[in-house]
Amino acid sequence: MKNDHRLSDLKAMSDDQLSEELLKLKKEQFNLRFRKATGQLENTSRVRVVRRDVARVKTIAAQKRDAKK
């Protein structure tokens, strides 16, 4: 349920918004990896969620690019 809502929000975004979202997720992913390496990460499942969100944003951006062709 929660994923469906997130997916529809991502599909409604423009190309610029998607690239901003991707940049934000990449920064969060870096911070999570850094905190995991230093042993400060408590919620380790967040790493997996962010990684999948990055893939989701990239997939939607690619679909939009292909639709424009």
C-alpha atoms as a PDB file:
ATOM      1  CA  MET A   1       0.000   0.000   0.000  1.00  0.00           C
ATOM      2  CA  LYS A   2       2.668   2.471   1.041  1.00  0.00           C
ATOM      3  CA  ASN A   3       4.763   1.591  -1.999  1.00  0.00           C
ATOM      4  CA  ASP A   4       1.847   2.180  -4.378  1.00  0.00           C
ATOM      5  CA  HIS A   5       1.392   5.686  -3.025  1.00  0.00           C
ATOM      6  CA  ARG A   6       5.121   6.406  -3.379  1.00  0.00           C
ATOM      7  CA  LEU A   7       5.150   5.032  -6.913  1.00  0.00           C
ATOM      8  CA  SER A   8       2.260   7.215  -8.053  1.00  0.00           C
ATOM      9  CA  ASP A   9       3.990  10.262  -6.552  1.00  0.00           C
ATOM     10  CA  LEU A  10       7.168   9.456  -8.469  1.00  0.00           C
ATOM     11  CA  LYS A  11       5.306   8.932 -11.740  1.00  0.00           C
ATOM     12  CA  ALA A  12       3.685  12.359 -11.373  1.00  0.00           C
ATOM     13  CA  MET A  13       7.060  14.105 -11.028  1.00  0.00           C
ATOM     14  CA  SER A  14       8.765  15.928 -13.886  1.00  0.00           C
ATOM     15  CA  ASP A  15      12.214  14.986 -15.155  1.00  0.00           C
ATOM     16  CA  ASP A  16      13.848  17.745 -13.098  1.00  0.00           C
ATOM     17  CA  GLN A  17      12.037  16.670  -9.948  1.00  0.00           C
ATOM     18  CA  LEU A  18      13.100  13.071 -10.530  1.00  0.00           C
ATOM     19  CA  SER A  19      16.755  14.064 -10.856  1.00  0.00           C
ATOM     20  CA  GLU A  20      16.494  16.120  -7.651  1.00  0.00           C
ATOM     21  CA  GLU A  21      14.917  13.144  -5.882  1.00  0.00           C
ATOM     22  CA  LEU A  22      17.671  10.875  -7.190  1.00  0.00           C
ATOM     23  CA  LEU A  23      20.343  13.258  -5.925  1.00  0.00           C
ATOM     24  CA  LYS A  24      18.675  13.402  -2.501  1.00  0.00           C
ATOM     25  CA  LEU A  25      18.472   9.608  -2.311  1.00  0.00           C
ATOM     26  CA  LYS A  26      22.104   9.194  -3.389  1.00  0.00           C
ATOM     27  CA  LYS A  27      23.216  11.578  -0.618  1.00  0.00           C
ATOM     28  CA  GLU A  28      21.145   9.662   1.925  1.00  0.00           C
ATOM     29  CA  GLN A  29      22.593   6.386   0.644  1.00  0.00           C
ATOM     30  CA  PHE A  30      26.127   7.707   1.064  1.00  0.00           C
ATOM     31  CA  ASN A  31      25.395   8.908   4.600  1.00  0.00           C
ATOM     32  CA  LEU A  32      23.850   5.562   5.523  1.00  0.00           C
ATOM     33  CA  ARG A  33      26.849   3.648   4.172  1.00  0.00           C
ATOM     34  CA  PHE A  34      29.208   5.939   6.066  1.00  0.00           C
ATOM     35  CA  ARG A  35      27.275   5.527   9.329  1.00  0.00           C
ATOM     36  CA  LYS A  36      27.121   1.752   8.807  1.00  0.00           C
ATOM     37  CA  ALA A  37      30.899   1.586   8.331  1.00  0.00           C
ATOM     38  CA  THR A  38      31.512   3.547  11.531  1.00  0.00           C
ATOM     39  CA  GLY A  39      29.020   1.456  13.499  1.00  0.00           C
ATOM     40  CA  GLN A  40      26.590   4.315  14.146  1.00  0.00           C
ATOM     41  CA  LEU A  41      23.698   3.006  12.047  1.00  0.00           C
ATOM     42  CA  GLU A  42      20.793   1.697  14.106  1.00  0.00           C
ATOM     43  CA  ASN A  43      18.171   1.110  11.400  1.00  0.00           C
ATOM     44  CA  THR A  44      20.044  -1.114   8.955  1.00  0.00           C
ATOM     45  CA  SER A  45      16.923  -1.865   6.919  1.00  0.00           C
ATOM     46  CA  ARG A  46      16.889   1.754   5.720  1.00  0.00           C
ATOM     47  CA  VAL A  47      19.917   0.988   3.500  1.00  0.00           C
ATOM     48  CA  ARG A  48      17.871  -1.550   1.553  1.00  0.00           C
ATOM     49  CA  VAL A  49      14.851   0.753   1.272  1.00  0.00           C
ATOM     50  CA  VAL A  50      16.933   3.649  -0.058  1.00  0.00           C
ATOM     51  CA  ARG A  51      18.725   1.393  -2.545  1.00  0.00           C
ATOM     52  CA  ARG A  52      15.397   0.222  -3.911  1.00  0.00           C
ATOM     53  CA  ASP A  53      14.065   3.790  -4.063  1.00  0.00           C
ATOM     54  CA  VAL A  54      17.110   4.784  -6.131  1.00  0.00           C
ATOM     55  CA  ALA A  55      16.384   1.958  -8.550  1.00  0.00           C
ATOM     56  CA  ARG A  56      12.711   2.921  -8.653  1.00  0.00           C
ATOM     57  CA  VAL A  57      13.508   6.553  -9.531  1.00  0.00           C
ATOM     58  CA  LYS A  58      16.002   5.501 -12.205  1.00  0.00           C
ATOM     59  CA  THR A  59      13.453   3.116 -13.745  1.00  0.00           C
ATOM     60  CA  ILE A  60      10.717   5.748 -13.893  1.00  0.00           C
ATOM     61  CA  ALA A  61      13.118   8.301 -15.393  1.00  0.00           C
ATOM     62  CA  ALA A  62      14.149   5.799 -18.073  1.00  0.00           C
ATOM     63  CA  GLN A  63      10.522   4.987 -18.858  1.00  0.00           C
ATOM     64  CA  LYS A  64       9.755   8.679 -19.297  1.00  0.00           C
ATOM     65  CA  ARG A  65      12.771   9.131 -21.593  1.00  0.00           C
ATOM     66  CA  ASP A  66      11.692   6.159 -23.701  1.00  0.00           C
ATOM     67  CA  ALA A  67       8.124   7.450 -23.917  1.00  0.00           C
ATOM     68  CA  LYS A  68       9.351  10.742 -25.348  1.00  0.00           C
ATOM     69  CA  LYS A  69      11.112   9.017 -28.257  1.00  0.00           C
END
